[in-house]
């Protein structure tokens, strides 16, 4: 009877460990926590861009993956694009910023 209880304990522990390992991220996939962190960073960058009077952020998209922010969309000038990058870099949690913005013709 005691042996069965020990086996059940080990089986439960193993199941929990495997379940937790399934939620972990790797080089190509994000964990649930990383996904939430990235969404939070994107929201903070969007808010910072909205607050900056030198950036017309309504035409700038923000995507974050593992702390790397990608800015895409259209801007009126190279200075506006550079300002958007600087604003994004100042947000907590941002590791780097990729500029994929284009000048509006």
PDB file of N, CA and C in Angstrom:
ATOM      1  N   UNK A   1       0.821  -1.185   0.000  1.00  0.00           N
ATOM      2  CA  UNK A   1       0.000   0.000   0.000  1.00  0.00           C
ATOM      3  C   UNK A   1       0.875   1.263   0.000  1.00  0.00           C
ATOM      4  N   UNK A   2       1.942   1.223   0.821  1.00  0.00           N
ATOM      5  CA  UNK A   2       2.833   2.370   0.899  1.00  0.00           C
ATOM      6  C   UNK A   2       3.571   2.563  -0.430  1.00  0.00           C
ATOM      7  N   UNK A   3       3.918   1.466  -1.090  1.00  0.00           N
ATOM      8  CA  UNK A   3       4.599   1.531  -2.373  1.00  0.00           C
ATOM      9  C   UNK A   3       3.712   2.215  -3.410  1.00  0.00           C
ATOM     10  N   UNK A   4       2.436   1.918  -3.389  1.00  0.00           N
ATOM     11  CA  UNK A   4       1.498   2.538  -4.324  1.00  0.00           C
ATOM     12  C   UNK A   4       1.419   4.039  -4.095  1.00  0.00           C
ATOM     13  N   UNK A   5       1.425   4.479  -2.847  1.00  0.00           N
ATOM     14  CA  UNK A   5       1.367   5.900  -2.513  1.00  0.00           C
ATOM     15  C   UNK A   5       2.627   6.617  -3.005  1.00  0.00           C
ATOM     16  N   UNK A   6       3.773   5.980  -2.859  1.00  0.00           N
ATOM     17  CA  UNK A   6       5.035   6.564  -3.324  1.00  0.00           C
ATOM     18  C   UNK A   6       5.012   6.673  -4.850  1.00  0.00           C
ATOM     19  N   UNK A   7       4.528   5.646  -5.518  1.00  0.00           N
ATOM     20  CA  UNK A   7       4.443   5.682  -6.980  1.00  0.00           C
ATOM     21  C   UNK A   7       3.494   6.779  -7.452  1.00  0.00           C
ATOM     22  N   UNK A   8       2.385   6.946  -6.773  1.00  0.00           N
ATOM     23  CA  UNK A   8       1.437   7.992  -7.138  1.00  0.00           C
ATOM     24  C   UNK A   8       2.066   9.371  -6.938  1.00  0.00           C
ATOM     25  N   UNK A   9       2.816   9.540  -5.867  1.00  0.00           N
ATOM     26  CA  UNK A   9       3.484  10.815  -5.608  1.00  0.00           C
ATOM     27  C   UNK A   9       4.479  11.129  -6.709  1.00  0.00           C
ATOM     28  N   UNK A  10       5.282  10.135  -7.085  1.00  0.00           N
ATOM     29  CA  UNK A  10       6.259  10.331  -8.155  1.00  0.00           C
ATOM     30  C   UNK A  10       5.564  10.607  -9.490  1.00  0.00           C
ATOM     31  N   UNK A  11       4.507   9.913  -9.777  1.00  0.00           N
ATOM     32  CA  UNK A  11       3.768  10.119 -11.025  1.00  0.00           C
ATOM     33  C   UNK A  11       3.178  11.529 -11.075  1.00  0.00           C
ATOM     34  N   UNK A  12       2.651  11.981  -9.963  1.00  0.00           N
ATOM     35  CA  UNK A  12       2.086  13.332  -9.898  1.00  0.00           C
ATOM     36  C   UNK A  12       3.174  14.382 -10.087  1.00  0.00           C
ATOM     37  N   UNK A  13       4.305  14.191  -9.420  1.00  0.00           N
ATOM     38  CA  UNK A  13       5.418  15.136  -9.541  1.00  0.00           C
ATOM     39  C   UNK A  13       5.928  15.193 -10.976  1.00  0.00           C
ATOM     40  N   UNK A  14       6.056  14.035 -11.606  1.00  0.00           N
ATOM     41  CA  UNK A  14       6.517  13.975 -12.989  1.00  0.00           C
ATOM     42  C   UNK A  14       5.530  14.673 -13.917  1.00  0.00           C
ATOM     43  N   UNK A  15       4.249  14.457 -13.696  1.00  0.00           N
ATOM     44  CA  UNK A  15       3.223  15.106 -14.516  1.00  0.00           C
ATOM     45  C   UNK A  15       3.300  16.618 -14.396  1.00  0.00           C
ATOM     46  N   UNK A  16       3.486  17.108 -13.179  1.00  0.00           N
ATOM     47  CA  UNK A  16       3.598  18.546 -12.967  1.00  0.00           C
ATOM     48  C   UNK A  16       4.833  19.121 -13.659  1.00  0.00           C
ATOM     49  N   UNK A  17       5.947  18.427 -13.546  1.00  0.00           N
ATOM     50  CA  UNK A  17       7.170  18.912 -14.189  1.00  0.00           C
ATOM     51  C   UNK A  17       7.033  18.945 -15.703  1.00  0.00           C
ATOM     52  N   UNK A  18       6.449  17.914 -16.267  1.00  0.00           N
ATOM     53  CA  UNK A  18       6.252  17.883 -17.719  1.00  0.00           C
ATOM     54  C   UNK A  18       5.282  18.981 -18.147  1.00  0.00           C
ATOM     55  N   UNK A  19       4.268  19.207 -17.354  1.00  0.00           N
ATOM     56  CA  UNK A  19       3.312  20.270 -17.666  1.00  0.00           C
ATOM     57  C   UNK A  19       3.953  21.635 -17.639  1.00  0.00           C
ATOM     58  N   UNK A  20       4.799  21.880 -16.655  1.00  0.00           N
ATOM     59  CA  UNK A  20       5.492  23.159 -16.573  1.00  0.00           C
ATOM     60  C   UNK A  20       6.498  23.320 -17.704  1.00  0.00           C
ATOM     61  N   UNK A  21       7.171  22.250 -18.058  1.00  0.00           N
ATOM     62  CA  UNK A  21       8.141  22.315 -19.153  1.00  0.00           C
ATOM     63  C   UNK A  21       7.447  22.645 -20.467  1.00  0.00           C
ATOM     64  N   UNK A  22       6.220  22.201 -20.642  1.00  0.00           N
ATOM     65  CA  UNK A  22       5.481  22.484 -21.864  1.00  0.00           C
ATOM     66  C   UNK A  22       5.155  23.966 -22.000  1.00  0.00           C
ATOM     67  N   UNK A  23       5.098  24.692 -20.900  1.00  0.00           N
ATOM     68  CA  UNK A  23       4.780  26.121 -20.920  1.00  0.00           C
ATOM     69  C   UNK A  23       6.016  26.985 -21.110  1.00  0.00           C
ATOM     70  N   UNK A  24       7.181  26.399 -21.030  1.00  0.00           N
ATOM     71  CA  UNK A  24       8.422  27.170 -21.144  1.00  0.00           C
ATOM     72  C   UNK A  24       8.678  27.546 -22.590  1.00  0.00           C
ATOM     73  N   UNK A  25       9.336  28.691 -22.781  1.00  0.00           N
ATOM     74  CA  UNK A  25       9.681  29.120 -24.121  1.00  0.00           C
ATOM     75  C   UNK A  25      11.033  28.561 -24.532  1.00  0.00           C
ATOM     76  N   UNK A  26      11.320  28.676 -25.823  1.00  0.00           N
ATOM     77  CA  UNK A  26      12.635  28.296 -26.326  1.00  0.00           C
ATOM     78  C   UNK A  26      13.047  29.344 -27.352  1.00  0.00           C
ATOM     79  N   UNK A  27      14.039  29.045 -28.160  1.00  0.00           N
ATOM     80  CA  UNK A  27      14.573  30.035 -29.090  1.00  0.00           C
ATOM     81  C   UNK A  27      13.547  30.480 -30.133  1.00  0.00           C
ATOM     82  N   UNK A  28      12.591  29.623 -30.473  1.00  0.00           N
ATOM     83  CA  UNK A  28      11.633  29.968 -31.518  1.00  0.00           C
ATOM     84  C   UNK A  28      10.211  30.162 -31.010  1.00  0.00           C
ATOM     85  N   UNK A  29       9.941  29.827 -29.757  1.00  0.00           N
ATOM     86  CA  UNK A  29       8.599  29.965 -29.198  1.00  0.00           C
ATOM     87  C   UNK A  29       8.670  30.728 -27.878  1.00  0.00           C
ATOM     88  N   UNK A  30       7.617  31.487 -27.619  1.00  0.00           N
ATOM     89  CA  UNK A  30       7.540  32.233 -26.364  1.00  0.00           C
ATOM     90  C   UNK A  30       6.701  31.463 -25.360  1.00  0.00           C
ATOM     91  N   UNK A  31       7.057  31.590 -24.100  1.00  0.00           N
ATOM     92  CA  UNK A  31       6.219  31.043 -23.041  1.00  0.00           C
ATOM     93  C   UNK A  31       5.022  31.975 -22.880  1.00  0.00           C
ATOM     94  N   UNK A  32       4.054  31.543 -22.130  1.00  0.00           N
ATOM     95  CA  UNK A  32       2.885  32.379 -21.870  1.00  0.00           C
ATOM     96  C   UNK A  32       3.298  33.684 -21.199  1.00  0.00           C
ATOM     97  N   UNK A  33       4.222  33.593 -20.260  1.00  0.00           N
ATOM     98  CA  UNK A  33       4.705  34.795 -19.575  1.00  0.00           C
ATOM     99  C   UNK A  33       5.401  35.758 -20.518  1.00  0.00           C
ATOM    100  N   UNK A  34       6.215  35.231 -21.431  1.00  0.00           N
ATOM    101  CA  UNK A  34       6.899  36.082 -22.395  1.00  0.00           C
ATOM    102  C   UNK A  34       5.893  36.758 -23.328  1.00  0.00           C
ATOM    103  N   UNK A  35       4.864  36.020 -23.724  1.00  0.00           N
ATOM    104  CA  UNK A  35       3.826  36.580 -24.587  1.00  0.00           C
ATOM    105  C   UNK A  35       3.138  37.757 -23.895  1.00  0.00           C
ATOM    106  N   UNK A  36       2.793  37.570 -22.635  1.00  0.00           N
ATOM    107  CA  UNK A  36       2.147  38.635 -21.863  1.00  0.00           C
ATOM    108  C   UNK A  36       3.097  39.820 -21.703  1.00  0.00           C
ATOM    109  N   UNK A  37       4.366  39.558 -21.416  1.00  0.00           N
ATOM    110  CA  UNK A  37       5.356  40.627 -21.290  1.00  0.00           C
ATOM    111  C   UNK A  37       5.464  41.421 -22.598  1.00  0.00           C
ATOM    112  N   UNK A  38       5.495  40.717 -23.729  1.00  0.00           N
ATOM    113  CA  UNK A  38       5.592  41.384 -25.022  1.00  0.00           C
ATOM    114  C   UNK A  38       4.365  42.249 -25.292  1.00  0.00           C
ATOM    115  N   UNK A  39       3.189  41.758 -24.951  1.00  0.00           N
ATOM    116  CA  UNK A  39       1.964  42.546 -25.137  1.00  0.00           C
ATOM    117  C   UNK A  39       2.004  43.807 -24.261  1.00  0.00           C
ATOM    118  N   UNK A  40       2.523  43.658 -23.049  1.00  0.00           N
ATOM    119  CA  UNK A  40       2.636  44.795 -22.137  1.00  0.00           C
ATOM    120  C   UNK A  40       3.620  45.822 -22.691  1.00  0.00           C
ATOM    121  N   UNK A  41       4.751  45.356 -23.197  1.00  0.00           N
ATOM    122  CA  UNK A  41       5.747  46.266 -23.782  1.00  0.00           C
ATOM    123  C   UNK A  41       5.136  47.006 -24.966  1.00  0.00           C
ATOM    124  N   UNK A  42       4.427  46.286 -25.839  1.00  0.00           N
ATOM    125  CA  UNK A  42       3.793  46.936 -26.997  1.00  0.00           C
ATOM    126  C   UNK A  42       2.821  48.015 -26.554  1.00  0.00           C
ATOM    127  N   UNK A  43       2.036  47.733 -25.535  1.00  0.00           N
ATOM    128  CA  UNK A  43       1.076  48.718 -25.027  1.00  0.00           C
ATOM    129  C   UNK A  43       1.797  49.940 -24.463  1.00  0.00           C
ATOM    130  N   UNK A  44       2.899  49.720 -23.763  1.00  0.00           N
ATOM    131  CA  UNK A  44       3.667  50.840 -23.200  1.00  0.00           C
ATOM    132  C   UNK A  44       4.301  51.691 -24.301  1.00  0.00           C
ATOM    133  N   UNK A  45       4.812  51.027 -25.337  1.00  0.00           N
ATOM    134  CA  UNK A  45       5.403  51.766 -26.460  1.00  0.00           C
ATOM    135  C   UNK A  45       4.316  52.580 -27.163  1.00  0.00           C
ATOM    136  N   UNK A  46       3.158  51.973 -27.417  1.00  0.00           N
ATOM    137  CA  UNK A  46       2.046  52.710 -28.039  1.00  0.00           C
ATOM    138  C   UNK A  46       1.669  53.930 -27.209  1.00  0.00           C
ATOM    139  N   UNK A  47       1.581  53.766 -25.896  1.00  0.00           N
ATOM    140  CA  UNK A  47       1.231  54.885 -25.013  1.00  0.00           C
ATOM    141  C   UNK A  47       2.293  55.979 -25.071  1.00  0.00           C
ATOM    142  N   UNK A  48       3.561  55.584 -25.070  1.00  0.00           N
ATOM    143  CA  UNK A  48       4.652  56.566 -25.124  1.00  0.00           C
ATOM    144  C   UNK A  48       4.629  57.323 -26.452  1.00  0.00           C
ATOM    145  N   UNK A  49       4.339  56.621 -27.543  1.00  0.00           N
ATOM    146  CA  UNK A  49       4.262  57.281 -28.844  1.00  0.00           C
ATOM    147  C   UNK A  49       3.084  58.251 -28.897  1.00  0.00           C
ATOM    148  N   UNK A  50       1.963  57.860 -28.299  1.00  0.00           N
ATOM    149  CA  UNK A  50       0.788  58.747 -28.264  1.00  0.00           C
ATOM    150  C   UNK A  50       1.065  60.019 -27.480  1.00  0.00           C
ATOM    151  N   UNK A  51       1.848  59.909 -26.412  1.00  0.00           N
ATOM    152  CA  UNK A  51       2.154  61.059 -25.559  1.00  0.00           C
ATOM    153  C   UNK A  51       3.158  62.014 -26.192  1.00  0.00           C
ATOM    154  N   UNK A  52       3.948  61.521 -27.135  1.00  0.00           N
ATOM    155  CA  UNK A  52       4.988  62.362 -27.738  1.00  0.00           C
ATOM    156  C   UNK A  52       4.380  63.240 -28.830  1.00  0.00           C
ATOM    157  N   UNK A  53       4.516  64.546 -28.687  1.00  0.00           N
ATOM    158  CA  UNK A  53       3.897  65.473 -29.633  1.00  0.00           C
ATOM    159  C   UNK A  53       4.605  65.501 -30.994  1.00  0.00           C
ATOM    160  N   UNK A  54       5.832  64.987 -31.068  1.00  0.00           N
ATOM    161  CA  UNK A  54       6.581  65.016 -32.321  1.00  0.00           C
ATOM    162  C   UNK A  54       6.357  63.778 -33.194  1.00  0.00           C
ATOM    163  N   UNK A  55       5.537  62.847 -32.707  1.00  0.00           N
ATOM    164  CA  UNK A  55       5.310  61.603 -33.446  1.00  0.00           C
ATOM    165  C   UNK A  55       3.820  61.458 -33.736  1.00  0.00           C
ATOM    166  N   UNK A  56       3.480  61.229 -35.000  1.00  0.00           N
ATOM    167  CA  UNK A  56       2.086  60.938 -35.361  1.00  0.00           C
ATOM    168  C   UNK A  56       1.924  59.422 -35.309  1.00  0.00           C
ATOM    169  N   UNK A  57       1.617  58.936 -34.124  1.00  0.00           N
ATOM    170  CA  UNK A  57       1.656  57.497 -33.881  1.00  0.00           C
ATOM    171  C   UNK A  57       0.468  56.730 -34.431  1.00  0.00           C
ATOM    172  N   UNK A  58      -0.556  57.415 -34.914  1.00  0.00           N
ATOM    173  CA  UNK A  58      -1.726  56.695 -35.416  1.00  0.00           C
ATOM    174  C   UNK A  58      -1.395  55.857 -36.649  1.00  0.00           C
ATOM    175  N   UNK A  59      -0.290  56.156 -37.295  1.00  0.00           N
ATOM    176  CA  UNK A  59       0.095  55.413 -38.484  1.00  0.00           C
ATOM    177  C   UNK A  59       1.321  54.523 -38.258  1.00  0.00           C
ATOM    178  N   UNK A  60       1.660  54.312 -36.991  1.00  0.00           N
ATOM    179  CA  UNK A  60       2.807  53.465 -36.648  1.00  0.00           C
ATOM    180  C   UNK A  60       2.304  52.237 -35.904  1.00  0.00           C
ATOM    181  N   UNK A  61       2.659  51.070 -36.413  1.00  0.00           N
ATOM    182  CA  UNK A  61       2.311  49.818 -35.751  1.00  0.00           C
ATOM    183  C   UNK A  61       3.445  49.360 -34.858  1.00  0.00           C
ATOM    184  N   UNK A  62       3.098  48.739 -33.741  1.00  0.00           N
ATOM    185  CA  UNK A  62       4.104  48.263 -32.787  1.00  0.00           C
ATOM    186  C   UNK A  62       3.897  46.766 -32.569  1.00  0.00           C
ATOM    187  N   UNK A  63       4.952  45.990 -32.790  1.00  0.00           N
ATOM    188  CA  UNK A  63       4.939  44.563 -32.534  1.00  0.00           C
ATOM    189  C   UNK A  63       6.156  44.229 -31.686  1.00  0.00           C
ATOM    190  N   UNK A  64       5.974  43.364 -30.694  1.00  0.00           N
ATOM    191  CA  UNK A  64       7.092  42.989 -29.818  1.00  0.00           C
ATOM    192  C   UNK A  64       7.227  41.474 -29.783  1.00  0.00           C
ATOM    193  N   UNK A  65       8.475  40.998 -29.885  1.00  0.00           N
ATOM    194  CA  UNK A  65       8.766  39.572 -29.774  1.00  0.00           C
ATOM    195  C   UNK A  65      10.027  39.416 -28.936  1.00  0.00           C
ATOM    196  N   UNK A  66       9.870  38.799 -27.765  1.00  0.00           N
ATOM    197  CA  UNK A  66      10.989  38.599 -26.829  1.00  0.00           C
ATOM    198  C   UNK A  66      11.719  39.899 -26.507  1.00  0.00           C
ATOM    199  N   UNK A  67      10.949  40.972 -26.337  1.00  0.00           N
ATOM    200  CA  UNK A  67      11.521  42.250 -25.946  1.00  0.00           C
ATOM    201  C   UNK A  67      12.051  43.101 -27.078  1.00  0.00           C
ATOM    202  N   UNK A  68      12.038  42.574 -28.309  1.00  0.00           N
ATOM    203  CA  UNK A  68      12.489  43.328 -29.473  1.00  0.00           C
ATOM    204  C   UNK A  68      11.264  43.960 -30.126  1.00  0.00           C
ATOM    205  N   UNK A  69      11.259  45.282 -30.193  1.00  0.00           N
ATOM    206  CA  UNK A  69      10.121  46.027 -30.720  1.00  0.00           C
ATOM    207  C   UNK A  69      10.360  46.332 -32.193  1.00  0.00           C
ATOM    208  N   UNK A  70       9.330  46.084 -33.001  1.00  0.00           N
ATOM    209  CA  UNK A  70       9.382  46.446 -34.415  1.00  0.00           C
ATOM    210  C   UNK A  70       8.354  47.536 -34.657  1.00  0.00           C
ATOM    211  N   UNK A  71       8.833  48.657 -35.197  1.00  0.00           N
ATOM    212  CA  UNK A  71       7.954  49.760 -35.565  1.00  0.00           C
ATOM    213  C   UNK A  71       7.737  49.721 -37.066  1.00  0.00           C
ATOM    214  N   UNK A  72       6.487  49.727 -37.493  1.00  0.00           N
ATOM    215  CA  UNK A  72       6.182  49.679 -38.918  1.00  0.00           C
ATOM    216  C   UNK A  72       5.088  50.683 -39.230  1.00  0.00           C
ATOM    217  N   UNK A  73       4.926  50.973 -40.492  1.00  0.00           N
ATOM    218  CA  UNK A  73       3.899  51.918 -40.911  1.00  0.00           C
ATOM    219  C   UNK A  73       4.519  53.100 -41.632  1.00  0.00           C
ATOM    220  N   UNK A  74       3.821  54.226 -41.573  1.00  0.00           N
ATOM    221  CA  UNK A  74       4.244  55.395 -42.326  1.00  0.00           C
ATOM    222  C   UNK A  74       4.483  56.593 -41.416  1.00  0.00           C
ATOM    223  N   UNK A  75       5.499  57.380 -41.777  1.00  0.00           N
ATOM    224  CA  UNK A  75       5.821  58.614 -41.066  1.00  0.00           C
ATOM    225  C   UNK A  75       5.981  59.725 -42.093  1.00  0.00           C
ATOM    226  N   UNK A  76       5.924  60.970 -41.604  1.00  0.00           N
ATOM    227  CA  UNK A  76       5.997  62.137 -42.492  1.00  0.00           C
ATOM    228  C   UNK A  76       7.437  62.528 -42.837  1.00  0.00           C
ATOM    229  N   UNK A  77       8.400  62.164 -41.960  1.00  0.00           N
ATOM    230  CA  UNK A  77       9.784  62.591 -42.178  1.00  0.00           C
ATOM    231  C   UNK A  77      10.747  61.605 -41.515  1.00  0.00           C
ATOM    232  N   UNK A  78      12.017  61.628 -41.946  1.00  0.00           N
ATOM    233  CA  UNK A  78      13.019  60.790 -41.292  1.00  0.00           C
ATOM    234  C   UNK A  78      13.193  61.150 -39.812  1.00  0.00           C
ATOM    235  N   UNK A  79      13.025  62.425 -39.490  1.00  0.00           N
ATOM    236  CA  UNK A  79      13.151  62.869 -38.104  1.00  0.00           C
ATOM    237  C   UNK A  79      12.047  62.255 -37.235  1.00  0.00           C
ATOM    238  N   UNK A  80      10.847  62.167 -37.788  1.00  0.00           N
ATOM    239  CA  UNK A  80       9.741  61.567 -37.046  1.00  0.00           C
ATOM    240  C   UNK A  80      10.001  60.079 -36.802  1.00  0.00           C
ATOM    241  N   UNK A  81      10.567  59.397 -37.779  1.00  0.00           N
ATOM    242  CA  UNK A  81      10.903  57.979 -37.613  1.00  0.00           C
ATOM    243  C   UNK A  81      11.965  57.812 -36.531  1.00  0.00           C
ATOM    244  N   UNK A  82      12.996  58.656 -36.573  1.00  0.00           N
ATOM    245  CA  UNK A  82      14.060  58.570 -35.573  1.00  0.00           C
ATOM    246  C   UNK A  82      13.522  58.867 -34.185  1.00  0.00           C
ATOM    247  N   UNK A  83      12.626  59.836 -34.083  1.00  0.00           N
ATOM    248  CA  UNK A  83      12.038  60.175 -32.788  1.00  0.00           C
ATOM    249  C   UNK A  83      11.225  58.997 -32.246  1.00  0.00           C
ATOM    250  N   UNK A  84      10.484  58.317 -33.123  1.00  0.00           N
ATOM    251  CA  UNK A  84       9.700  57.158 -32.700  1.00  0.00           C
ATOM    252  C   UNK A  84      10.615  56.055 -32.157  1.00  0.00           C
ATOM    253  N   UNK A  85      11.752  55.849 -32.793  1.00  0.00           N
ATOM    254  CA  UNK A  85      12.714  54.842 -32.332  1.00  0.00           C
ATOM    255  C   UNK A  85      13.249  55.224 -30.958  1.00  0.00           C
ATOM    256  N   UNK A  86      13.613  56.491 -30.787  1.00  0.00           N
ATOM    257  CA  UNK A  86      14.155  56.957 -29.506  1.00  0.00           C
ATOM    258  C   UNK A  86      13.114  56.785 -28.394  1.00  0.00           C
ATOM    259  N   UNK A  87      11.867  57.152 -28.680  1.00  0.00           N
ATOM    260  CA  UNK A  87      10.798  57.021 -27.685  1.00  0.00           C
ATOM    261  C   UNK A  87      10.623  55.550 -27.304  1.00  0.00           C
ATOM    262  N   UNK A  88      10.612  54.667 -28.288  1.00  0.00           N
ATOM    263  CA  UNK A  88      10.431  53.236 -28.019  1.00  0.00           C
ATOM    264  C   UNK A  88      11.588  52.669 -27.196  1.00  0.00           C
ATOM    265  N   UNK A  89      12.804  53.097 -27.481  1.00  0.00           N
ATOM    266  CA  UNK A  89      13.977  52.596 -26.769  1.00  0.00           C
ATOM    267  C   UNK A  89      13.944  52.936 -25.286  1.00  0.00           C
ATOM    268  N   UNK A  90      13.261  54.002 -24.914  1.00  0.00           N
ATOM    269  CA  UNK A  90      13.213  54.447 -23.525  1.00  0.00           C
ATOM    270  C   UNK A  90      12.200  53.676 -22.679  1.00  0.00           C
ATOM    271  N   UNK A  91      11.368  52.850 -23.304  1.00  0.00           N
ATOM    272  CA  UNK A  91      10.336  52.115 -22.578  1.00  0.00           C
ATOM    273  C   UNK A  91      10.969  50.925 -21.854  1.00  0.00           C
ATOM    274  N   UNK A  92      10.594  50.745 -20.587  1.00  0.00           N
ATOM    275  CA  UNK A  92      11.111  49.623 -19.797  1.00  0.00           C
ATOM    276  C   UNK A  92      10.791  48.293 -20.468  1.00  0.00           C
ATOM    277  N   UNK A  93      11.787  47.421 -20.508  1.00  0.00           N
ATOM    278  CA  UNK A  93      11.604  46.087 -21.069  1.00  0.00           C
ATOM    279  C   UNK A  93      12.004  45.956 -22.521  1.00  0.00           C
ATOM    280  N   UNK A  94      12.220  47.079 -23.203  1.00  0.00           N
ATOM    281  CA  UNK A  94      12.604  47.042 -24.616  1.00  0.00           C
ATOM    282  C   UNK A  94      14.090  46.717 -24.717  1.00  0.00           C
ATOM    283  N   UNK A  95      14.392  45.617 -25.410  1.00  0.00           N
ATOM    284  CA  UNK A  95      15.791  45.212 -25.601  1.00  0.00           C
ATOM    285  C   UNK A  95      16.413  45.934 -26.788  1.00  0.00           C
ATOM    286  N   UNK A  96      15.666  46.037 -27.878  1.00  0.00           N
ATOM    287  CA  UNK A  96      16.121  46.758 -29.061  1.00  0.00           C
ATOM    288  C   UNK A  96      14.903  47.131 -29.893  1.00  0.00           C
ATOM    289  N   UNK A  97      15.135  48.009 -30.883  1.00  0.00           N
ATOM    290  CA  UNK A  97      14.045  48.474 -31.742  1.00  0.00           C
ATOM    291  C   UNK A  97      14.447  48.291 -33.195  1.00  0.00           C
ATOM    292  N   UNK A  98      13.565  47.670 -33.963  1.00  0.00           N
ATOM    293  CA  UNK A  98      13.758  47.529 -35.407  1.00  0.00           C
ATOM    294  C   UNK A  98      12.877  48.556 -36.103  1.00  0.00           C
ATOM    295  N   UNK A  99      13.472  49.335 -36.978  1.00  0.00           N
ATOM    296  CA  UNK A  99      12.759  50.385 -37.695  1.00  0.00           C
ATOM    297  C   UNK A  99      12.336  49.864 -39.065  1.00  0.00           C
ATOM    298  N   UNK A 100      11.047  49.645 -39.235  1.00  0.00           N
ATOM    299  CA  UNK A 100      10.499  49.216 -40.526  1.00  0.00           C
ATOM    300  C   UNK A 100       9.473  50.244 -41.004  1.00  0.00           C
ATOM    301  N   UNK A 101       9.706  51.510 -40.650  1.00  0.00           N
ATOM    302  CA  UNK A 101       8.798  52.574 -41.042  1.00  0.00           C
ATOM    303  C   UNK A 101       9.203  53.118 -42.408  1.00  0.00           C
ATOM    304  N   UNK A 102       8.202  53.621 -43.115  1.00  0.00           N
ATOM    305  CA  UNK A 102       8.434  54.151 -44.466  1.00  0.00           C
ATOM    306  C   UNK A 102       7.955  55.598 -44.527  1.00  0.00           C
ATOM    307  N   UNK A 103       8.629  56.383 -45.365  1.00  0.00           N
ATOM    308  CA  UNK A 103       8.222  57.767 -45.547  1.00  0.00           C
ATOM    309  C   UNK A 103       7.000  57.830 -46.435  1.00  0.00           C
ATOM    310  N   UNK A 104       6.029  58.627 -45.999  1.00  0.00           N
ATOM    311  CA  UNK A 104       4.827  58.836 -46.800  1.00  0.00           C
ATOM    312  C   UNK A 104       5.219  59.767 -47.954  1.00  0.00           C
ATOM    313  N   UNK A 105       4.839  59.398 -49.141  1.00  0.00           N
ATOM    314  CA  UNK A 105       5.163  60.181 -50.344  1.00  0.00           C
ATOM    315  C   UNK A 105       4.193  61.321 -50.529  1.00  0.00           C
TER     316      UNK A 105
END
